[in-house]
Amino acid sequence: MDKSLRTRHSGYMERRLVNAMQDLKVEYDGTVRNNKRVIVQFAPGEDGIDPAKSEWGSLDVDGIIASHMETLKGDKE
């Protein structure tokens, strides 16, 4: 009984999410725009990572942090 209630609830949430996002599109310049061509996000997913091109969903988190820390050090100087 509990499983069927959770499935029904998650299906409802998925349908609402799909309906809310149905007019969004990733353009050639990499921005996400709605049907009125207004920019919603500058990078898909806000992290710029294409799941289809990542290594099975794994990321080099240490490398990303090190790169970001170097950028912050450069900004302070």
Protein backbone atom coordinates (compact mmCIF):
# COMPACT_ATOMS: atom_id res chain seq x y z
CA MET A 1 0.00 0.00 0.00
CA ASP A 2 2.76 2.41 0.93
CA LYS A 3 4.63 1.77 -2.35
CA SER A 4 1.57 2.47 -4.48
CA LEU A 5 0.95 5.75 -2.67
CA ARG A 6 4.55 6.87 -3.14
CA THR A 7 4.48 5.91 -6.84
CA ARG A 8 1.29 7.88 -7.37
CA HIS A 9 2.77 10.90 -5.58
CA SER A 10 6.07 10.78 -7.50
CA GLY A 11 4.23 10.37 -10.81
CA TYR A 12 2.14 13.43 -10.05
CA MET A 13 5.26 15.45 -9.18
CA GLU A 14 7.00 14.30 -12.38
CA ARG A 15 4.02 15.35 -14.48
CA ARG A 16 3.95 18.78 -12.84
CA LEU A 17 7.69 19.21 -13.38
CA VAL A 18 7.46 18.24 -17.06
CA ASN A 19 4.53 20.63 -17.58
CA ALA A 20 6.45 23.47 -15.93
CA MET A 21 9.54 22.89 -18.07
CA GLN A 22 7.96 22.02 -21.41
CA ASP A 23 8.70 25.38 -23.01
CA LEU A 24 12.41 25.43 -22.05
CA LYS A 25 15.07 24.80 -24.68
CA VAL A 26 18.88 24.81 -24.75
CA GLU A 27 19.96 27.14 -27.54
CA TYR A 28 23.12 26.93 -29.67
CA ASP A 29 24.87 29.54 -27.51
CA GLY A 30 24.46 27.28 -24.47
CA THR A 31 21.77 29.31 -22.74
CA VAL A 32 18.43 27.92 -21.60
CA ARG A 33 15.54 30.00 -22.92
CA ASN A 34 11.77 29.85 -22.68
CA ASN A 35 9.34 30.07 -25.59
CA LYS A 36 9.56 33.89 -25.54
CA ARG A 37 13.36 33.63 -26.02
CA VAL A 38 14.02 35.01 -22.52
CA ILE A 39 17.16 33.58 -20.88
CA VAL A 40 16.29 31.39 -17.90
CA GLN A 41 19.81 30.04 -17.23
CA PHE A 42 23.18 30.87 -18.72
CA ALA A 43 24.36 27.25 -18.42
CA PRO A 44 22.16 24.14 -18.44
CA GLY A 45 21.87 22.75 -14.94
CA GLU A 46 23.80 25.77 -13.65
CA ASP A 47 26.99 23.69 -13.53
CA GLY A 48 27.73 23.39 -17.24
CA ILE A 49 28.25 19.63 -17.05
CA ASP A 50 26.76 17.51 -19.81
CA PRO A 51 25.79 14.21 -18.18
CA ALA A 52 26.13 12.46 -21.53
CA LYS A 53 29.78 13.48 -21.74
CA SER A 54 30.84 13.02 -18.11
CA GLU A 55 32.62 9.88 -16.99
CA TRP A 56 29.63 7.83 -15.84
CA GLY A 57 28.43 10.69 -13.69
CA SER A 58 31.66 11.07 -11.74
CA LEU A 59 33.40 14.40 -11.43
CA ASP A 60 36.89 15.43 -10.42
CA VAL A 61 35.69 17.39 -7.39
CA ASP A 62 39.19 17.95 -6.04
CA GLY A 63 40.28 19.42 -9.37
CA ILE A 64 37.25 21.69 -9.54
CA ILE A 65 37.86 22.96 -6.01
CA ALA A 66 41.57 23.52 -6.69
CA SER A 67 40.76 25.44 -9.88
CA HIS A 68 38.19 27.55 -8.09
CA MET A 69 40.58 28.30 -5.21
CA GLU A 70 43.24 29.45 -7.71
CA THR A 71 40.68 31.76 -9.30
CA LEU A 72 39.80 33.21 -5.91
CA LYS A 73 43.46 33.77 -5.08
CA GLY A 74 43.93 35.60 -8.38
CA ASP A 75 40.94 37.85 -7.66
CA LYS A 76 42.36 38.87 -4.25
CA GLU A 77 45.71 39.93 -5.67
